[in-house]
């Protein structure tokens, strides 16, 4: 079955950096685009970034453009989210997601940006 497992979250100060990883299994990873979403306390889950197959197209939410970079390594079925210049408003649980007939989600990884 489709499984997604996020890792790499943690606590950082404003202006810091983190790299999240999403390890996938249970489907032919190289044939699917993958997205990152996030959900802050008391808010709805929101789109962060998407990477297409082969990494040929990348889309970002306006709030993270020029600060976050999504990438993928098909040889190990993993998608990354490099996050730079982090702000307190980036604090959220971050999820990766893929649509393989249905939409699947990982369990999420917490990112906290605070001084």
PDB file of N, CA and C in Angstrom:
ATOM      1  N   UNK A   1       0.833  -1.175   0.000  1.00  0.00           N
ATOM      2  CA  UNK A   1       0.000   0.000   0.000  1.00  0.00           C
ATOM      3  C   UNK A   1       0.889   1.254   0.000  1.00  0.00           C
ATOM      4  N   UNK A   2       0.273   2.350  -0.407  1.00  0.00           N
ATOM      5  CA  UNK A   2       1.014   3.608  -0.460  1.00  0.00           C
ATOM      6  C   UNK A   2       1.353   4.057   0.957  1.00  0.00           C
ATOM      7  N   UNK A   3       2.627   4.378   1.157  1.00  0.00           N
ATOM      8  CA  UNK A   3       3.069   4.910   2.448  1.00  0.00           C
ATOM      9  C   UNK A   3       3.994   6.095   2.210  1.00  0.00           C
ATOM     10  N   UNK A   4       3.804   7.109   3.022  1.00  0.00           N
ATOM     11  CA  UNK A   4       4.642   8.305   2.997  1.00  0.00           C
ATOM     12  C   UNK A   4       5.117   8.577   4.417  1.00  0.00           C
ATOM     13  N   UNK A   5       6.387   8.859   4.556  1.00  0.00           N
ATOM     14  CA  UNK A   5       6.935   9.092   5.898  1.00  0.00           C
ATOM     15  C   UNK A   5       7.813  10.333   5.875  1.00  0.00           C
ATOM     16  N   UNK A   6       7.362  11.372   6.574  1.00  0.00           N
ATOM     17  CA  UNK A   6       8.109  12.625   6.656  1.00  0.00           C
ATOM     18  C   UNK A   6       9.096  12.585   7.803  1.00  0.00           C
ATOM     19  N   UNK A   7      10.172  13.326   7.662  1.00  0.00           N
ATOM     20  CA  UNK A   7      11.161  13.477   8.728  1.00  0.00           C
ATOM     21  C   UNK A   7      11.901  14.783   8.530  1.00  0.00           C
ATOM     22  N   UNK A   8      12.666  15.178   9.538  1.00  0.00           N
ATOM     23  CA  UNK A   8      13.504  16.361   9.420  1.00  0.00           C
ATOM     24  C   UNK A   8      12.979  17.603  10.104  1.00  0.00           C
ATOM     25  N   UNK A   9      11.791  17.519  10.694  1.00  0.00           N
ATOM     26  CA  UNK A   9      11.259  18.672  11.390  1.00  0.00           C
ATOM     27  C   UNK A   9      12.039  18.975  12.658  1.00  0.00           C
ATOM     28  N   UNK A  10      11.729  20.116  13.254  1.00  0.00           N
ATOM     29  CA  UNK A  10      12.403  20.498  14.485  1.00  0.00           C
ATOM     30  C   UNK A  10      12.120  21.936  14.830  1.00  0.00           C
ATOM     31  N   UNK A  11      12.892  22.460  15.774  1.00  0.00           N
ATOM     32  CA  UNK A  11      12.746  23.838  16.221  1.00  0.00           C
ATOM     33  C   UNK A  11      13.949  24.652  15.761  1.00  0.00           C
ATOM     34  N   UNK A  12      13.681  25.802  15.171  1.00  0.00           N
ATOM     35  CA  UNK A  12      14.752  26.685  14.700  1.00  0.00           C
ATOM     36  C   UNK A  12      14.391  28.121  15.011  1.00  0.00           C
ATOM     37  N   UNK A  13      15.404  28.970  15.014  1.00  0.00           N
ATOM     38  CA  UNK A  13      15.170  30.394  15.210  1.00  0.00           C
ATOM     39  C   UNK A  13      14.788  31.045  13.878  1.00  0.00           C
ATOM     40  N   UNK A  14      14.123  32.175  13.937  1.00  0.00           N
ATOM     41  CA  UNK A  14      13.819  32.905  12.695  1.00  0.00           C
ATOM     42  C   UNK A  14      15.090  33.158  11.893  1.00  0.00           C
ATOM     43  N   UNK A  15      14.980  32.971  10.590  1.00  0.00           N
ATOM     44  CA  UNK A  15      16.131  33.099   9.711  1.00  0.00           C
ATOM     45  C   UNK A  15      16.893  31.811   9.497  1.00  0.00           C
ATOM     46  N   UNK A  16      16.550  30.790  10.248  1.00  0.00           N
ATOM     47  CA  UNK A  16      17.234  29.504  10.139  1.00  0.00           C
ATOM     48  C   UNK A  16      16.737  28.662   8.983  1.00  0.00           C
ATOM     49  N   UNK A  17      17.308  27.462   8.885  1.00  0.00           N
ATOM     50  CA  UNK A  17      16.986  26.563   7.783  1.00  0.00           C
ATOM     51  C   UNK A  17      16.696  25.152   8.299  1.00  0.00           C
ATOM     52  N   UNK A  18      15.888  24.444   7.552  1.00  0.00           N
ATOM     53  CA  UNK A  18      15.615  23.035   7.791  1.00  0.00           C
ATOM     54  C   UNK A  18      15.389  22.366   6.447  1.00  0.00           C
ATOM     55  N   UNK A  19      15.697  21.074   6.399  1.00  0.00           N
ATOM     56  CA  UNK A  19      15.359  20.284   5.219  1.00  0.00           C
ATOM     57  C   UNK A  19      14.484  19.113   5.638  1.00  0.00           C
ATOM     58  N   UNK A  20      13.299  19.058   5.070  1.00  0.00           N
ATOM     59  CA  UNK A  20      12.378  17.956   5.325  1.00  0.00           C
ATOM     60  C   UNK A  20      12.542  16.889   4.253  1.00  0.00           C
ATOM     61  N   UNK A  21      12.318  15.647   4.638  1.00  0.00           N
ATOM     62  CA  UNK A  21      12.357  14.527   3.710  1.00  0.00           C
ATOM     63  C   UNK A  21      11.030  13.795   3.748  1.00  0.00           C
ATOM     64  N   UNK A  22      10.657  13.222   2.625  1.00  0.00           N
ATOM     65  CA  UNK A  22       9.451  12.398   2.519  1.00  0.00           C
ATOM     66  C   UNK A  22       9.849  11.117   1.796  1.00  0.00           C
ATOM     67  N   UNK A  23       9.880  10.013   2.520  1.00  0.00           N
ATOM     68  CA  UNK A  23      10.229   8.722   1.940  1.00  0.00           C
ATOM     69  C   UNK A  23       8.956   7.991   1.552  1.00  0.00           C
ATOM     70  N   UNK A  24       8.887   7.542   0.297  1.00  0.00           N
ATOM     71  CA  UNK A  24       7.673   6.933  -0.236  1.00  0.00           C
ATOM     72  C   UNK A  24       7.874   5.455  -0.540  1.00  0.00           C
ATOM     73  N   UNK A  25       6.790   4.699  -0.465  1.00  0.00           N
ATOM     74  CA  UNK A  25       6.817   3.289  -0.838  1.00  0.00           C
ATOM     75  C   UNK A  25       5.423   2.840  -1.227  1.00  0.00           C
ATOM     76  N   UNK A  26       5.354   1.689  -1.908  1.00  0.00           N
ATOM     77  CA  UNK A  26       4.060   1.118  -2.256  1.00  0.00           C
ATOM     78  C   UNK A  26       3.505   1.537  -3.600  1.00  0.00           C
ATOM     79  N   UNK A  27       4.257   2.324  -4.363  1.00  0.00           N
ATOM     80  CA  UNK A  27       3.829   2.714  -5.703  1.00  0.00           C
ATOM     81  C   UNK A  27       5.081   3.077  -6.506  1.00  0.00           C
ATOM     82  N   UNK A  28       4.893   3.235  -7.820  1.00  0.00           N
ATOM     83  CA  UNK A  28       6.028   3.562  -8.684  1.00  0.00           C
ATOM     84  C   UNK A  28       6.305   5.056  -8.574  1.00  0.00           C
ATOM     85  N   UNK A  29       7.167   5.384  -7.667  1.00  0.00           N
ATOM     86  CA  UNK A  29       7.402   6.764  -7.250  1.00  0.00           C
ATOM     87  C   UNK A  29       7.727   7.680  -8.424  1.00  0.00           C
ATOM     88  N   UNK A  30       8.551   7.223  -9.334  1.00  0.00           N
ATOM     89  CA  UNK A  30       9.027   8.092 -10.419  1.00  0.00           C
ATOM     90  C   UNK A  30       7.920   8.527 -11.366  1.00  0.00           C
ATOM     91  N   UNK A  31       6.777   7.909 -11.301  1.00  0.00           N
ATOM     92  CA  UNK A  31       5.676   8.210 -12.214  1.00  0.00           C
ATOM     93  C   UNK A  31       4.669   9.209 -11.652  1.00  0.00           C
ATOM     94  N   UNK A  32       4.950   9.741 -10.458  1.00  0.00           N
ATOM     95  CA  UNK A  32       3.963  10.610  -9.815  1.00  0.00           C
ATOM     96  C   UNK A  32       4.590  11.907  -9.309  1.00  0.00           C
ATOM     97  N   UNK A  33       3.802  12.981  -9.430  1.00  0.00           N
ATOM     98  CA  UNK A  33       4.175  14.211  -8.760  1.00  0.00           C
ATOM     99  C   UNK A  33       3.891  14.089  -7.271  1.00  0.00           C
ATOM    100  N   UNK A  34       4.602  14.883  -6.490  1.00  0.00           N
ATOM    101  CA  UNK A  34       4.458  14.850  -5.032  1.00  0.00           C
ATOM    102  C   UNK A  34       4.354  16.292  -4.529  1.00  0.00           C
ATOM    103  N   UNK A  35       3.550  16.469  -3.511  1.00  0.00           N
ATOM    104  CA  UNK A  35       3.340  17.807  -2.956  1.00  0.00           C
ATOM    105  C   UNK A  35       3.659  17.849  -1.464  1.00  0.00           C
ATOM    106  N   UNK A  36       3.973  19.045  -1.002  1.00  0.00           N
ATOM    107  CA  UNK A  36       4.071  19.334   0.432  1.00  0.00           C
ATOM    108  C   UNK A  36       2.927  20.277   0.803  1.00  0.00           C
ATOM    109  N   UNK A  37       2.319  20.008   1.952  1.00  0.00           N
ATOM    110  CA  UNK A  37       1.306  20.857   2.542  1.00  0.00           C
ATOM    111  C   UNK A  37       1.722  21.151   3.980  1.00  0.00           C
ATOM    112  N   UNK A  38       1.044  22.112   4.581  1.00  0.00           N
ATOM    113  CA  UNK A  38       1.289  22.369   6.004  1.00  0.00           C
ATOM    114  C   UNK A  38      -0.006  22.800   6.686  1.00  0.00           C
ATOM    115  N   UNK A  39      -0.037  22.583   7.988  1.00  0.00           N
ATOM    116  CA  UNK A  39      -1.204  22.980   8.776  1.00  0.00           C
ATOM    117  C   UNK A  39      -0.734  23.587  10.080  1.00  0.00           C
ATOM    118  N   UNK A  40      -1.044  24.867  10.249  1.00  0.00           N
ATOM    119  CA  UNK A  40      -0.713  25.584  11.473  1.00  0.00           C
ATOM    120  C   UNK A  40      -1.852  25.408  12.475  1.00  0.00           C
ATOM    121  N   UNK A  41      -1.564  25.582  13.767  1.00  0.00           N
ATOM    122  CA  UNK A  41      -2.615  25.431  14.775  1.00  0.00           C
ATOM    123  C   UNK A  41      -3.810  26.340  14.498  1.00  0.00           C
ATOM    124  N   UNK A  42      -4.991  25.768  14.497  1.00  0.00           N
ATOM    125  CA  UNK A  42      -6.198  26.551  14.298  1.00  0.00           C
ATOM    126  C   UNK A  42      -6.471  26.966  12.873  1.00  0.00           C
ATOM    127  N   UNK A  43      -5.650  26.485  11.938  1.00  0.00           N
ATOM    128  CA  UNK A  43      -5.821  26.860  10.530  1.00  0.00           C
ATOM    129  C   UNK A  43      -6.038  25.621   9.672  1.00  0.00           C
ATOM    130  N   UNK A  44      -6.545  25.861   8.461  1.00  0.00           N
ATOM    131  CA  UNK A  44      -6.739  24.759   7.536  1.00  0.00           C
ATOM    132  C   UNK A  44      -5.399  24.361   6.900  1.00  0.00           C
ATOM    133  N   UNK A  45      -5.346  23.144   6.429  1.00  0.00           N
ATOM    134  CA  UNK A  45      -4.156  22.680   5.732  1.00  0.00           C
ATOM    135  C   UNK A  45      -4.006  23.464   4.435  1.00  0.00           C
ATOM    136  N   UNK A  46      -2.781  23.875   4.119  1.00  0.00           N
ATOM    137  CA  UNK A  46      -2.555  24.680   2.925  1.00  0.00           C
ATOM    138  C   UNK A  46      -1.427  24.106   2.085  1.00  0.00           C
ATOM    139  N   UNK A  47      -1.513  24.363   0.798  1.00  0.00           N
ATOM    140  CA  UNK A  47      -0.512  23.912  -0.153  1.00  0.00           C
ATOM    141  C   UNK A  47       0.784  24.690   0.044  1.00  0.00           C
ATOM    142  N   UNK A  48       1.908  23.982  -0.078  1.00  0.00           N
ATOM    143  CA  UNK A  48       3.212  24.623   0.030  1.00  0.00           C
ATOM    144  C   UNK A  48       3.983  24.538  -1.295  1.00  0.00           C
ATOM    145  N   UNK A  49       4.123  23.320  -1.829  1.00  0.00           N
ATOM    146  CA  UNK A  49       4.923  23.144  -3.047  1.00  0.00           C
ATOM    147  C   UNK A  49       4.580  21.816  -3.710  1.00  0.00           C
ATOM    148  N   UNK A  50       4.833  21.743  -5.001  1.00  0.00           N
ATOM    149  CA  UNK A  50       4.599  20.511  -5.768  1.00  0.00           C
ATOM    150  C   UNK A  50       5.734  20.333  -6.762  1.00  0.00           C
ATOM    151  N   UNK A  51       6.136  19.074  -6.944  1.00  0.00           N
ATOM    152  CA  UNK A  51       7.143  18.765  -7.950  1.00  0.00           C
ATOM    153  C   UNK A  51       6.583  17.690  -8.866  1.00  0.00           C
ATOM    154  N   UNK A  52       6.723  17.905 -10.176  1.00  0.00           N
ATOM    155  CA  UNK A  52       6.194  16.961 -11.156  1.00  0.00           C
ATOM    156  C   UNK A  52       7.182  15.815 -11.362  1.00  0.00           C
ATOM    157  N   UNK A  53       6.778  14.846 -12.195  1.00  0.00           N
ATOM    158  CA  UNK A  53       7.691  13.751 -12.519  1.00  0.00           C
ATOM    159  C   UNK A  53       8.952  14.303 -13.176  1.00  0.00           C
ATOM    160  N   UNK A  54      10.053  13.691 -12.884  1.00  0.00           N
ATOM    161  CA  UNK A  54      11.383  14.091 -13.372  1.00  0.00           C
ATOM    162  C   UNK A  54      11.809  15.448 -12.817  1.00  0.00           C
ATOM    163  N   UNK A  55      10.990  16.055 -11.976  1.00  0.00           N
ATOM    164  CA  UNK A  55      11.332  17.364 -11.441  1.00  0.00           C
ATOM    165  C   UNK A  55      11.278  18.473 -12.476  1.00  0.00           C
ATOM    166  N   UNK A  56      10.559  18.234 -13.561  1.00  0.00           N
ATOM    167  CA  UNK A  56      10.557  19.177 -14.673  1.00  0.00           C
ATOM    168  C   UNK A  56       9.745  20.429 -14.392  1.00  0.00           C
ATOM    169  N   UNK A  57       8.839  20.365 -13.432  1.00  0.00           N
ATOM    170  CA  UNK A  57       8.020  21.521 -13.105  1.00  0.00           C
ATOM    171  C   UNK A  57       7.838  21.606 -11.587  1.00  0.00           C
ATOM    172  N   UNK A  58       8.016  22.780 -11.034  1.00  0.00           N
ATOM    173  CA  UNK A  58       7.878  22.987  -9.590  1.00  0.00           C
ATOM    174  C   UNK A  58       6.984  24.201  -9.364  1.00  0.00           C
ATOM    175  N   UNK A  59       6.079  24.044  -8.443  1.00  0.00           N
ATOM    176  CA  UNK A  59       5.134  25.107  -8.123  1.00  0.00           C
ATOM    177  C   UNK A  59       5.225  25.392  -6.635  1.00  0.00           C
ATOM    178  N   UNK A  60       5.156  26.682  -6.269  1.00  0.00           N
ATOM    179  CA  UNK A  60       5.255  27.088  -4.871  1.00  0.00           C
ATOM    180  C   UNK A  60       4.111  28.016  -4.500  1.00  0.00           C
ATOM    181  N   UNK A  61       3.696  27.942  -3.251  1.00  0.00           N
ATOM    182  CA  UNK A  61       2.792  28.952  -2.714  1.00  0.00           C
ATOM    183  C   UNK A  61       3.544  30.281  -2.658  1.00  0.00           C
ATOM    184  N   UNK A  62       2.815  31.357  -2.844  1.00  0.00           N
ATOM    185  CA  UNK A  62       3.449  32.683  -2.831  1.00  0.00           C
ATOM    186  C   UNK A  62       4.177  32.941  -1.514  1.00  0.00           C
ATOM    187  N   UNK A  63       3.648  32.394  -0.431  1.00  0.00           N
ATOM    188  CA  UNK A  63       4.212  32.670   0.892  1.00  0.00           C
ATOM    189  C   UNK A  63       5.593  32.038   1.096  1.00  0.00           C
ATOM    190  N   UNK A  64       5.958  31.066   0.263  1.00  0.00           N
ATOM    191  CA  UNK A  64       7.245  30.391   0.451  1.00  0.00           C
ATOM    192  C   UNK A  64       8.165  30.546  -0.759  1.00  0.00           C
ATOM    193  N   UNK A  65       7.650  31.153  -1.810  1.00  0.00           N
ATOM    194  CA  UNK A  65       8.454  31.310  -3.023  1.00  0.00           C
ATOM    195  C   UNK A  65       9.747  32.050  -2.704  1.00  0.00           C
ATOM    196  N   UNK A  66      10.828  31.614  -3.307  1.00  0.00           N
ATOM    197  CA  UNK A  66      12.177  32.187  -3.131  1.00  0.00           C
ATOM    198  C   UNK A  66      12.808  31.859  -1.799  1.00  0.00           C
ATOM    199  N   UNK A  67      12.090  31.129  -0.924  1.00  0.00           N
ATOM    200  CA  UNK A  67      12.678  30.688   0.344  1.00  0.00           C
ATOM    201  C   UNK A  67      12.760  29.173   0.431  1.00  0.00           C
ATOM    202  N   UNK A  68      11.779  28.484  -0.151  1.00  0.00           N
ATOM    203  CA  UNK A  68      11.715  27.023  -0.084  1.00  0.00           C
ATOM    204  C   UNK A  68      12.062  26.443  -1.455  1.00  0.00           C
ATOM    205  N   UNK A  69      12.665  25.260  -1.441  1.00  0.00           N
ATOM    206  CA  UNK A  69      12.971  24.549  -2.673  1.00  0.00           C
ATOM    207  C   UNK A  69      12.558  23.087  -2.537  1.00  0.00           C
ATOM    208  N   UNK A  70      11.738  22.632  -3.477  1.00  0.00           N
ATOM    209  CA  UNK A  70      11.329  21.225  -3.489  1.00  0.00           C
ATOM    210  C   UNK A  70      12.194  20.481  -4.499  1.00  0.00           C
ATOM    211  N   UNK A  71      12.567  19.259  -4.157  1.00  0.00           N
ATOM    212  CA  UNK A  71      13.374  18.447  -5.066  1.00  0.00           C
ATOM    213  C   UNK A  71      13.041  16.979  -4.839  1.00  0.00           C
ATOM    214  N   UNK A  72      13.522  16.130  -5.737  1.00  0.00           N
ATOM    215  CA  UNK A  72      13.241  14.696  -5.597  1.00  0.00           C
ATOM    216  C   UNK A  72      14.445  13.882  -6.035  1.00  0.00           C
ATOM    217  N   UNK A  73      14.569  12.690  -5.437  1.00  0.00           N
ATOM    218  CA  UNK A  73      15.617  11.749  -5.802  1.00  0.00           C
ATOM    219  C   UNK A  73      14.931  10.415  -6.038  1.00  0.00           C
ATOM    220  N   UNK A  74      14.633  10.129  -7.298  1.00  0.00           N
ATOM    221  CA  UNK A  74      13.836   8.950  -7.618  1.00  0.00           C
ATOM    222  C   UNK A  74      14.540   7.643  -7.262  1.00  0.00           C
ATOM    223  N   UNK A  75      15.877   7.656  -7.241  1.00  0.00           N
ATOM    224  CA  UNK A  75      16.612   6.423  -6.944  1.00  0.00           C
ATOM    225  C   UNK A  75      16.344   5.911  -5.533  1.00  0.00           C
ATOM    226  N   UNK A  76      15.927   6.818  -4.632  1.00  0.00           N
ATOM    227  CA  UNK A  76      15.615   6.392  -3.264  1.00  0.00           C
ATOM    228  C   UNK A  76      14.195   6.789  -2.857  1.00  0.00           C
ATOM    229  N   UNK A  77      13.363   7.081  -3.864  1.00  0.00           N
ATOM    230  CA  UNK A  77      11.928   7.347  -3.616  1.00  0.00           C
ATOM    231  C   UNK A  77      11.714   8.417  -2.547  1.00  0.00           C
ATOM    232  N   UNK A  78      12.405   9.524  -2.684  1.00  0.00           N
ATOM    233  CA  UNK A  78      12.352  10.560  -1.652  1.00  0.00           C
ATOM    234  C   UNK A  78      12.170  11.944  -2.272  1.00  0.00           C
ATOM    235  N   UNK A  79      11.336  12.737  -1.632  1.00  0.00           N
ATOM    236  CA  UNK A  79      11.159  14.145  -1.975  1.00  0.00           C
ATOM    237  C   UNK A  79      11.645  14.978  -0.795  1.00  0.00           C
ATOM    238  N   UNK A  80      12.262  16.115  -1.120  1.00  0.00           N
ATOM    239  CA  UNK A  80      12.816  16.990  -0.091  1.00  0.00           C
ATOM    240  C   UNK A  80      12.148  18.361  -0.152  1.00  0.00           C
ATOM    241  N   UNK A  81      12.168  19.045   0.973  1.00  0.00           N
ATOM    242  CA  UNK A  81      11.749  20.440   1.027  1.00  0.00           C
ATOM    243  C   UNK A  81      12.824  21.195   1.808  1.00  0.00           C
ATOM    244  N   UNK A  82      13.642  21.930   1.073  1.00  0.00           N
ATOM    245  CA  UNK A  82      14.668  22.774   1.692  1.00  0.00           C
ATOM    246  C   UNK A  82      14.017  24.100   2.056  1.00  0.00           C
ATOM    247  N   UNK A  83      14.079  24.452   3.335  1.00  0.00           N
ATOM    248  CA  UNK A  83      13.410  25.654   3.822  1.00  0.00           C
ATOM    249  C   UNK A  83      14.465  26.605   4.393  1.00  0.00           C
ATOM    250  N   UNK A  84      14.575  27.770   3.783  1.00  0.00           N
ATOM    251  CA  UNK A  84      15.531  28.791   4.228  1.00  0.00           C
ATOM    252  C   UNK A  84      14.793  30.039   4.706  1.00  0.00           C
ATOM    253  N   UNK A  85      15.500  30.882   5.411  1.00  0.00           N
ATOM    254  CA  UNK A  85      14.932  32.151   5.893  1.00  0.00           C
ATOM    255  C   UNK A  85      13.591  31.920   6.584  1.00  0.00           C
ATOM    256  N   UNK A  86      13.565  30.962   7.468  1.00  0.00           N
ATOM    257  CA  UNK A  86      12.307  30.592   8.109  1.00  0.00           C
ATOM    258  C   UNK A  86      11.762  31.715   8.979  1.00  0.00           C
ATOM    259  N   UNK A  87      10.433  31.812   8.990  1.00  0.00           N
ATOM    260  CA  UNK A  87       9.725  32.835   9.735  1.00  0.00           C
ATOM    261  C   UNK A  87       8.809  32.172  10.761  1.00  0.00           C
ATOM    262  N   UNK A  88       8.435  32.890  11.810  1.00  0.00           N
ATOM    263  CA  UNK A  88       7.499  32.294  12.786  1.00  0.00           C
ATOM    264  C   UNK A  88       6.203  31.800  12.135  1.00  0.00           C
ATOM    265  N   UNK A  89       5.758  32.478  11.088  1.00  0.00           N
ATOM    266  CA  UNK A  89       4.530  32.053  10.417  1.00  0.00           C
ATOM    267  C   UNK A  89       4.682  30.767   9.605  1.00  0.00           C
ATOM    268  N   UNK A  90       5.911  30.250   9.514  1.00  0.00           N
ATOM    269  CA  UNK A  90       6.130  28.952   8.879  1.00  0.00           C
ATOM    270  C   UNK A  90       5.891  27.798   9.857  1.00  0.00           C
ATOM    271  N   UNK A  91       5.664  28.119  11.122  1.00  0.00           N
ATOM    272  CA  UNK A  91       5.399  27.088  12.121  1.00  0.00           C
ATOM    273  C   UNK A  91       4.134  26.310  11.766  1.00  0.00           C
ATOM    274  N   UNK A  92       4.281  24.996  11.656  1.00  0.00           N
ATOM    275  CA  UNK A  92       3.163  24.145  11.248  1.00  0.00           C
ATOM    276  C   UNK A  92       3.618  22.691  11.268  1.00  0.00           C
ATOM    277  N   UNK A  93       2.653  21.803  11.109  1.00  0.00           N
ATOM    278  CA  UNK A  93       2.956  20.410  10.793  1.00  0.00           C
ATOM    279  C   UNK A  93       3.005  20.305   9.269  1.00  0.00           C
ATOM    280  N   UNK A  94       4.079  19.752   8.760  1.00  0.00           N
ATOM    281  CA  UNK A  94       4.286  19.629   7.320  1.00  0.00           C
ATOM    282  C   UNK A  94       4.013  18.198   6.876  1.00  0.00           C
ATOM    283  N   UNK A  95       3.228  18.078   5.799  1.00  0.00           N
ATOM    284  CA  UNK A  95       2.832  16.776   5.270  1.00  0.00           C
ATOM    285  C   UNK A  95       3.243  16.652   3.809  1.00  0.00           C
ATOM    286  N   UNK A  96       3.667  15.472   3.407  1.00  0.00           N
ATOM    287  CA  UNK A  96       3.790  15.228   1.977  1.00  0.00           C
ATOM    288  C   UNK A  96       2.570  14.438   1.522  1.00  0.00           C
ATOM    289  N   UNK A  97       2.284  14.551   0.238  1.00  0.00           N
ATOM    290  CA  UNK A  97       1.056  13.964  -0.292  1.00  0.00           C
ATOM    291  C   UNK A  97       1.259  13.544  -1.732  1.00  0.00           C
ATOM    292  N   UNK A  98       0.571  12.467  -2.110  1.00  0.00           N
ATOM    293  CA  UNK A  98       0.599  11.999  -3.493  1.00  0.00           C
ATOM    294  C   UNK A  98      -0.791  11.491  -3.849  1.00  0.00           C
ATOM    295  N   UNK A  99      -1.163  11.686  -5.098  1.00  0.00           N
ATOM    296  CA  UNK A  99      -2.445  11.183  -5.589  1.00  0.00           C
ATOM    297  C   UNK A  99      -2.176   9.958  -6.450  1.00  0.00           C
ATOM    298  N   UNK A 100      -2.513   8.804  -5.916  1.00  0.00           N
ATOM    299  CA  UNK A 100      -2.417   7.550  -6.654  1.00  0.00           C
ATOM    300  C   UNK A 100      -3.820   6.957  -6.625  1.00  0.00           C
ATOM    301  N   UNK A 101      -4.636   7.361  -7.561  1.00  0.00           N
ATOM    302  CA  UNK A 101      -6.082   7.091  -7.563  1.00  0.00           C
ATOM    303  C   UNK A 101      -6.741   7.910  -6.456  1.00  0.00           C
ATOM    304  N   UNK A 102      -6.355   7.679  -5.228  1.00  0.00           N
ATOM    305  CA  UNK A 102      -6.800   8.494  -4.102  1.00  0.00           C
ATOM    306  C   UNK A 102      -5.633   9.334  -3.587  1.00  0.00           C
ATOM    307  N   UNK A 103      -5.950  10.321  -2.776  1.00  0.00           N
ATOM    308  CA  UNK A 103      -4.891  11.150  -2.209  1.00  0.00           C
ATOM    309  C   UNK A 103      -4.413  10.530  -0.900  1.00  0.00           C
ATOM    310  N   UNK A 104      -3.085  10.402  -0.783  1.00  0.00           N
ATOM    311  CA  UNK A 104      -2.465   9.841   0.399  1.00  0.00           C
ATOM    312  C   UNK A 104      -1.629  10.901   1.111  1.00  0.00           C
ATOM    313  N   UNK A 105      -1.555  10.742   2.429  1.00  0.00           N
ATOM    314  CA  UNK A 105      -0.827  11.676   3.276  1.00  0.00           C
ATOM    315  C   UNK A 105       0.122  10.917   4.187  1.00  0.00           C
ATOM    316  N   UNK A 106       1.219  11.556   4.536  1.00  0.00           N
ATOM    317  CA  UNK A 106       2.069  11.034   5.576  1.00  0.00           C
ATOM    318  C   UNK A 106       1.530  11.454   6.938  1.00  0.00           C
ATOM    319  N   UNK A 107       2.281  11.121   7.991  1.00  0.00           N
ATOM    320  CA  UNK A 107       1.828  11.426   9.349  1.00  0.00           C
ATOM    321  C   UNK A 107       2.193  12.842   9.760  1.00  0.00           C
ATOM    322  N   UNK A 108       3.090  13.481   8.991  1.00  0.00           N
ATOM    323  CA  UNK A 108       3.470  14.854   9.271  1.00  0.00           C
ATOM    324  C   UNK A 108       4.709  14.970  10.141  1.00  0.00           C
ATOM    325  N   UNK A 109       5.362  16.116  10.025  1.00  0.00           N
ATOM    326  CA  UNK A 109       6.523  16.425  10.858  1.00  0.00           C
ATOM    327  C   UNK A 109       6.413  17.879  11.312  1.00  0.00           C
ATOM    328  N   UNK A 110       6.647  18.119  12.584  1.00  0.00           N
ATOM    329  CA  UNK A 110       6.442  19.443  13.175  1.00  0.00           C
ATOM    330  C   UNK A 110       7.636  20.353  12.896  1.00  0.00           C
ATOM    331  N   UNK A 111       7.341  21.552  12.452  1.00  0.00           N
ATOM    332  CA  UNK A 111       8.352  22.603  12.292  1.00  0.00           C
ATOM    333  C   UNK A 111       7.939  23.774  13.164  1.00  0.00           C
ATOM    334  N   UNK A 112       8.820  24.189  14.043  1.00  0.00           N
ATOM    335  CA  UNK A 112       8.557  25.315  14.935  1.00  0.00           C
ATOM    336  C   UNK A 112       9.643  26.364  14.741  1.00  0.00           C
ATOM    337  N   UNK A 113       9.218  27.581  14.411  1.00  0.00           N
ATOM    338  CA  UNK A 113      10.149  28.691  14.209  1.00  0.00           C
ATOM    339  C   UNK A 113       9.879  29.723  15.296  1.00  0.00           C
ATOM    340  N   UNK A 114      10.825  29.873  16.198  1.00  0.00           N
ATOM    341  CA  UNK A 114      10.614  30.743  17.346  1.00  0.00           C
ATOM    342  C   UNK A 114      11.947  31.181  17.916  1.00  0.00           C
ATOM    343  N   UNK A 115      11.965  32.408  18.432  1.00  0.00           N
ATOM    344  CA  UNK A 115      13.168  32.905  19.082  1.00  0.00           C
ATOM    345  C   UNK A 115      13.112  32.624  20.577  1.00  0.00           C
TER     346      UNK A 115
END
